[in-house]
Amino acid sequence: MEKKLYRSRYDKKLAGVCGGLAQYLNMDPTVVRLVWFLITLFAGAGLLAYIICALVIPEEPAEIV
């Protein structure tokens, strides 16, 4: 089964980008959020990248129970 990148439906603070990226990379979401914040703070492009990711990356499909 191939791995796909989705915005997280459940582990999200804003749009679920960091939660989905953390799940895809098998990392702690807090670490991903911290790195993204530091990129935004020092490089300035993090906010624009987050907005683009929120628009481009599809939301995680709902689980059928």
PDB file of N, CA and C in Angstrom:
ATOM      1  N   MET A   1       0.844  -1.183   0.000  1.00  0.00           N
ATOM      2  CA  MET A   1       0.000   0.000   0.000  1.00  0.00           C
ATOM      3  C   MET A   1       0.887   1.243   0.000  1.00  0.00           C
ATOM      4  N   GLU A   2       0.622   2.146  -0.915  1.00  0.00           N
ATOM      5  CA  GLU A   2       1.442   3.352  -0.992  1.00  0.00           C
ATOM      6  C   GLU A   2       0.971   4.392   0.022  1.00  0.00           C
ATOM      7  N   LYS A   3       1.926   5.162   0.481  1.00  0.00           N
ATOM      8  CA  LYS A   3       1.687   6.195   1.478  1.00  0.00           C
ATOM      9  C   LYS A   3       1.265   7.482   0.777  1.00  0.00           C
ATOM     10  N   LYS A   4       0.212   8.135   1.272  1.00  0.00           N
ATOM     11  CA  LYS A   4      -0.238   9.390   0.682  1.00  0.00           C
ATOM     12  C   LYS A   4      -0.256  10.477   1.743  1.00  0.00           C
ATOM     13  N   LEU A   5       0.021  11.674   1.304  1.00  0.00           N
ATOM     14  CA  LEU A   5       0.024  12.832   2.194  1.00  0.00           C
ATOM     15  C   LEU A   5      -1.364  13.457   2.202  1.00  0.00           C
ATOM     16  N   TYR A   6      -1.927  13.576   3.400  1.00  0.00           N
ATOM     17  CA  TYR A   6      -3.223  14.222   3.592  1.00  0.00           C
ATOM     18  C   TYR A   6      -3.117  15.222   4.717  1.00  0.00           C
ATOM     19  N   ARG A   7      -3.997  16.216   4.713  1.00  0.00           N
ATOM     20  CA  ARG A   7      -4.146  17.071   5.880  1.00  0.00           C
ATOM     21  C   ARG A   7      -4.911  16.263   6.917  1.00  0.00           C
ATOM     22  N   SER A   8      -4.478  16.338   8.142  1.00  0.00           N
ATOM     23  CA  SER A   8      -5.107  15.557   9.201  1.00  0.00           C
ATOM     24  C   SER A   8      -6.507  16.068   9.498  1.00  0.00           C
ATOM     25  N   ARG A   9      -7.412  15.140   9.662  1.00  0.00           N
ATOM     26  CA  ARG A   9      -8.786  15.483  10.009  1.00  0.00           C
ATOM     27  C   ARG A   9      -8.939  15.630  11.521  1.00  0.00           C
ATOM     28  N   TYR A  10      -8.091  14.937  12.287  1.00  0.00           N
ATOM     29  CA  TYR A  10      -8.252  14.872  13.736  1.00  0.00           C
ATOM     30  C   TYR A  10      -7.146  15.585  14.520  1.00  0.00           C
ATOM     31  N   ASP A  11      -5.925  15.576  14.006  1.00  0.00           N
ATOM     32  CA  ASP A  11      -4.795  16.198  14.700  1.00  0.00           C
ATOM     33  C   ASP A  11      -4.469  17.520  14.030  1.00  0.00           C
ATOM     34  N   LYS A  12      -5.312  18.517  14.293  1.00  0.00           N
ATOM     35  CA  LYS A  12      -5.091  19.799  13.630  1.00  0.00           C
ATOM     36  C   LYS A  12      -5.306  20.948  14.593  1.00  0.00           C
ATOM     37  N   LYS A  13      -4.562  22.007  14.338  1.00  0.00           N
ATOM     38  CA  LYS A  13      -4.714  23.248  15.083  1.00  0.00           C
ATOM     39  C   LYS A  13      -5.362  24.304  14.175  1.00  0.00           C
ATOM     40  N   LEU A  14      -4.922  24.358  12.925  1.00  0.00           N
ATOM     41  CA  LEU A  14      -5.513  25.284  11.954  1.00  0.00           C
ATOM     42  C   LEU A  14      -6.165  24.493  10.824  1.00  0.00           C
ATOM     43  N   ALA A  15      -5.353  24.063   9.875  1.00  0.00           N
ATOM     44  CA  ALA A  15      -5.896  23.354   8.714  1.00  0.00           C
ATOM     45  C   ALA A  15      -5.490  21.884   8.672  1.00  0.00           C
ATOM     46  N   GLY A  16      -4.665  21.436   9.608  1.00  0.00           N
ATOM     47  CA  GLY A  16      -4.265  20.031   9.643  1.00  0.00           C
ATOM     48  C   GLY A  16      -3.023  19.705   8.829  1.00  0.00           C
ATOM     49  N   VAL A  17      -2.340  20.732   8.328  1.00  0.00           N
ATOM     50  CA  VAL A  17      -1.155  20.502   7.496  1.00  0.00           C
ATOM     51  C   VAL A  17      -0.034  19.842   8.308  1.00  0.00           C
ATOM     52  N   CYS A  18       0.301  20.395   9.449  1.00  0.00           N
ATOM     53  CA  CYS A  18       1.394  19.852  10.263  1.00  0.00           C
ATOM     54  C   CYS A  18       1.049  18.469  10.808  1.00  0.00           C
ATOM     55  N   GLY A  19      -0.202  18.269  11.207  1.00  0.00           N
ATOM     56  CA  GLY A  19      -0.617  16.952  11.691  1.00  0.00           C
ATOM     57  C   GLY A  19      -0.524  15.899  10.603  1.00  0.00           C
ATOM     58  N   GLY A  20      -0.928  16.247   9.406  1.00  0.00           N
ATOM     59  CA  GLY A  20      -0.840  15.316   8.276  1.00  0.00           C
ATOM     60  C   GLY A  20       0.594  15.045   7.867  1.00  0.00           C
ATOM     61  N   LEU A  21       1.416  16.081   7.868  1.00  0.00           N
ATOM     62  CA  LEU A  21       2.830  15.916   7.533  1.00  0.00           C
ATOM     63  C   LEU A  21       3.534  15.049   8.570  1.00  0.00           C
ATOM     64  N   ALA A  22       3.203  15.251   9.836  1.00  0.00           N
ATOM     65  CA  ALA A  22       3.788  14.439  10.903  1.00  0.00           C
ATOM     66  C   ALA A  22       3.393  12.977  10.758  1.00  0.00           C
ATOM     67  N   GLN A  23       2.143  12.736  10.416  1.00  0.00           N
ATOM     68  CA  GLN A  23       1.680  11.357  10.219  1.00  0.00           C
ATOM     69  C   GLN A  23       2.402  10.732   9.024  1.00  0.00           C
ATOM     70  N   TYR A  24       2.565  11.475   7.948  1.00  0.00           N
ATOM     71  CA  TYR A  24       3.241  10.985   6.750  1.00  0.00           C
ATOM     72  C   TYR A  24       4.710  10.657   7.031  1.00  0.00           C
ATOM     73  N   LEU A  25       5.373  11.511   7.833  1.00  0.00           N
ATOM     74  CA  LEU A  25       6.789  11.331   8.148  1.00  0.00           C
ATOM     75  C   LEU A  25       7.019  10.467   9.393  1.00  0.00           C
ATOM     76  N   ASN A  26       5.920  10.039  10.031  1.00  0.00           N
ATOM     77  CA  ASN A  26       5.991   9.221  11.246  1.00  0.00           C
ATOM     78  C   ASN A  26       6.776   9.950  12.339  1.00  0.00           C
ATOM     79  N   MET A  27       6.372  11.202  12.575  1.00  0.00           N
ATOM     80  CA  MET A  27       7.023  12.049  13.571  1.00  0.00           C
ATOM     81  C   MET A  27       5.979  12.581  14.547  1.00  0.00           C
ATOM     82  N   ASP A  28       6.462  13.180  15.611  1.00  0.00           N
ATOM     83  CA  ASP A  28       5.592  13.842  16.578  1.00  0.00           C
ATOM     84  C   ASP A  28       5.086  15.150  15.961  1.00  0.00           C
ATOM     85  N   PRO A  29       3.779  15.380  15.970  1.00  0.00           N
ATOM     86  CA  PRO A  29       3.244  16.611  15.376  1.00  0.00           C
ATOM     87  C   PRO A  29       3.775  17.887  16.025  1.00  0.00           C
ATOM     88  N   THR A  30       4.103  17.829  17.298  1.00  0.00           N
ATOM     89  CA  THR A  30       4.647  19.004  17.981  1.00  0.00           C
ATOM     90  C   THR A  30       5.984  19.410  17.375  1.00  0.00           C
ATOM     91  N   VAL A  31       6.800  18.448  17.021  1.00  0.00           N
ATOM     92  CA  VAL A  31       8.098  18.735  16.399  1.00  0.00           C
ATOM     93  C   VAL A  31       7.888  19.388  15.035  1.00  0.00           C
ATOM     94  N   VAL A  32       6.958  18.860  14.266  1.00  0.00           N
ATOM     95  CA  VAL A  32       6.684  19.424  12.940  1.00  0.00           C
ATOM     96  C   VAL A  32       6.177  20.857  13.081  1.00  0.00           C
ATOM     97  N   ARG A  33       5.279  21.082  14.040  1.00  0.00           N
ATOM     98  CA  ARG A  33       4.757  22.435  14.254  1.00  0.00           C
ATOM     99  C   ARG A  33       5.855  23.400  14.690  1.00  0.00           C
ATOM    100  N   LEU A  34       6.751  22.935  15.541  1.00  0.00           N
ATOM    101  CA  LEU A  34       7.855  23.771  16.008  1.00  0.00           C
ATOM    102  C   LEU A  34       8.800  24.129  14.857  1.00  0.00           C
ATOM    103  N   VAL A  35       9.140  23.152  14.041  1.00  0.00           N
ATOM    104  CA  VAL A  35      10.018  23.403  12.895  1.00  0.00           C
ATOM    105  C   VAL A  35       9.341  24.370  11.925  1.00  0.00           C
ATOM    106  N   TRP A  36       8.051  24.164  11.671  1.00  0.00           N
ATOM    107  CA  TRP A  36       7.325  25.042  10.758  1.00  0.00           C
ATOM    108  C   TRP A  36       7.296  26.468  11.308  1.00  0.00           C
ATOM    109  N   PHE A  37       7.100  26.602  12.618  1.00  0.00           N
ATOM    110  CA  PHE A  37       7.097  27.927  13.254  1.00  0.00           C
ATOM    111  C   PHE A  37       8.461  28.599  13.101  1.00  0.00           C
ATOM    112  N   LEU A  38       9.533  27.839  13.319  1.00  0.00           N
ATOM    113  CA  LEU A  38      10.876  28.410  13.199  1.00  0.00           C
ATOM    114  C   LEU A  38      11.176  28.830  11.765  1.00  0.00           C
ATOM    115  N   ILE A  39      10.724  28.043  10.803  1.00  0.00           N
ATOM    116  CA  ILE A  39      10.904  28.415   9.395  1.00  0.00           C
ATOM    117  C   ILE A  39      10.153  29.711   9.103  1.00  0.00           C
ATOM    118  N   THR A  40       8.953  29.818   9.645  1.00  0.00           N
ATOM    119  CA  THR A  40       8.162  31.036   9.448  1.00  0.00           C
ATOM    120  C   THR A  40       8.831  32.239  10.105  1.00  0.00           C
ATOM    121  N   LEU A  41       9.336  32.021  11.304  1.00  0.00           N
ATOM    122  CA  LEU A  41       9.947  33.107  12.066  1.00  0.00           C
ATOM    123  C   LEU A  41      11.233  33.616  11.420  1.00  0.00           C
ATOM    124  N   PHE A  42      12.085  32.704  10.979  1.00  0.00           N
ATOM    125  CA  PHE A  42      13.398  33.105  10.466  1.00  0.00           C
ATOM    126  C   PHE A  42      13.453  33.277   8.953  1.00  0.00           C
ATOM    127  N   ALA A  43      12.734  32.476   8.211  1.00  0.00           N
ATOM    128  CA  ALA A  43      12.800  32.568   6.756  1.00  0.00           C
ATOM    129  C   ALA A  43      11.651  33.397   6.187  1.00  0.00           C
ATOM    130  N   GLY A  44      10.544  33.444   6.902  1.00  0.00           N
ATOM    131  CA  GLY A  44       9.416  34.242   6.449  1.00  0.00           C
ATOM    132  C   GLY A  44       8.511  33.574   5.439  1.00  0.00           C
ATOM    133  N   ALA A  45       8.951  32.514   4.805  1.00  0.00           N
ATOM    134  CA  ALA A  45       8.158  31.863   3.770  1.00  0.00           C
ATOM    135  C   ALA A  45       7.248  30.775   4.327  1.00  0.00           C
ATOM    136  N   GLY A  46       7.355  30.488   5.600  1.00  0.00           N
ATOM    137  CA  GLY A  46       6.573  29.406   6.190  1.00  0.00           C
ATOM    138  C   GLY A  46       5.077  29.652   6.160  1.00  0.00           C
ATOM    139  N   LEU A  47       4.656  30.886   6.374  1.00  0.00           N
ATOM    140  CA  LEU A  47       3.226  31.199   6.368  1.00  0.00           C
ATOM    141  C   LEU A  47       2.631  31.018   4.978  1.00  0.00           C
ATOM    142  N   LEU A  48       3.319  31.516   3.974  1.00  0.00           N
ATOM    143  CA  LEU A  48       2.854  31.339   2.600  1.00  0.00           C
ATOM    144  C   LEU A  48       2.839  29.856   2.226  1.00  0.00           C
ATOM    145  N   ALA A  49       3.872  29.125   2.621  1.00  0.00           N
ATOM    146  CA  ALA A  49       3.933  27.687   2.334  1.00  0.00           C
ATOM    147  C   ALA A  49       2.786  26.948   3.017  1.00  0.00           C
ATOM    148  N   TYR A  50       2.452  27.350   4.250  1.00  0.00           N
ATOM    149  CA  TYR A  50       1.350  26.706   4.977  1.00  0.00           C
ATOM    150  C   TYR A  50       0.023  26.932   4.253  1.00  0.00           C
ATOM    151  N   ILE A  51      -0.201  28.144   3.800  1.00  0.00           N
ATOM    152  CA  ILE A  51      -1.441  28.460   3.088  1.00  0.00           C
ATOM    153  C   ILE A  51      -1.538  27.667   1.796  1.00  0.00           C
ATOM    154  N   ILE A  52      -0.437  27.585   1.074  1.00  0.00           N
ATOM    155  CA  ILE A  52      -0.427  26.810  -0.177  1.00  0.00           C
ATOM    156  C   ILE A  52      -0.684  25.337   0.115  1.00  0.00           C
ATOM    157  N   CYS A  53      -0.027  24.796   1.138  1.00  0.00           N
ATOM    158  CA  CYS A  53      -0.239  23.385   1.504  1.00  0.00           C
ATOM    159  C   CYS A  53      -1.684  23.134   1.915  1.00  0.00           C
ATOM    160  N   ALA A  54      -2.276  24.061   2.658  1.00  0.00           N
ATOM    161  CA  ALA A  54      -3.666  23.905   3.092  1.00  0.00           C
ATOM    162  C   ALA A  54      -4.618  23.880   1.900  1.00  0.00           C
ATOM    163  N   LEU A  55      -4.269  24.589   0.842  1.00  0.00           N
ATOM    164  CA  LEU A  55      -5.115  24.611  -0.347  1.00  0.00           C
ATOM    165  C   LEU A  55      -4.876  23.420  -1.276  1.00  0.00           C
ATOM    166  N   VAL A  56      -3.635  22.923  -1.314  1.00  0.00           N
ATOM    167  CA  VAL A  56      -3.270  21.892  -2.284  1.00  0.00           C
ATOM    168  C   VAL A  56      -3.422  20.471  -1.739  1.00  0.00           C
ATOM    169  N   ILE A  57      -3.046  20.245  -0.490  1.00  0.00           N
ATOM    170  CA  ILE A  57      -3.079  18.899   0.080  1.00  0.00           C
ATOM    171  C   ILE A  57      -4.522  18.545   0.445  1.00  0.00           C
ATOM    172  N   PRO A  58      -5.020  17.418  -0.043  1.00  0.00           N
ATOM    173  CA  PRO A  58      -6.403  17.039   0.269  1.00  0.00           C
ATOM    174  C   PRO A  58      -6.566  16.618   1.726  1.00  0.00           C
ATOM    175  N   GLU A  59      -7.782  16.789   2.249  1.00  0.00           N
ATOM    176  CA  GLU A  59      -8.065  16.377   3.622  1.00  0.00           C
ATOM    177  C   GLU A  59      -8.156  14.854   3.686  1.00  0.00           C
ATOM    178  N   GLU A  60      -7.734  14.331   4.802  1.00  0.00           N
ATOM    179  CA  GLU A  60      -7.761  12.898   5.056  1.00  0.00           C
ATOM    180  C   GLU A  60      -9.192  12.387   4.877  1.00  0.00           C
ATOM    181  N   PRO A  61      -9.372  11.274   4.136  1.00  0.00           N
ATOM    182  CA  PRO A  61     -10.723  10.743   3.959  1.00  0.00           C
ATOM    183  C   PRO A  61     -11.312  10.284   5.294  1.00  0.00           C
ATOM    184  N   ALA A  62     -12.629  10.434   5.432  1.00  0.00           N
ATOM    185  CA  ALA A  62     -13.308   9.983   6.653  1.00  0.00           C
ATOM    186  C   ALA A  62     -13.306   8.448   6.683  1.00  0.00           C
ATOM    187  N   GLU A  63     -13.103   7.915   7.873  1.00  0.00           N
ATOM    188  CA  GLU A  63     -13.112   6.467   8.021  1.00  0.00           C
ATOM    189  C   GLU A  63     -14.554   5.980   8.033  1.00  0.00           C
ATOM    190  N   ILE A  64     -14.806   4.932   7.282  1.00  0.00           N
ATOM    191  CA  ILE A  64     -16.130   4.332   7.264  1.00  0.00           C
ATOM    192  C   ILE A  64     -16.174   3.267   8.360  1.00  0.00           C
ATOM    193  N   VAL A  65     -17.082   3.463   9.303  1.00  0.00           N
ATOM    194  CA  VAL A  65     -17.154   2.545  10.453  1.00  0.00           C
ATOM    195  C   VAL A  65     -18.260   1.550  10.243  1.00  0.00           C
TER     196      VAL A  65
END
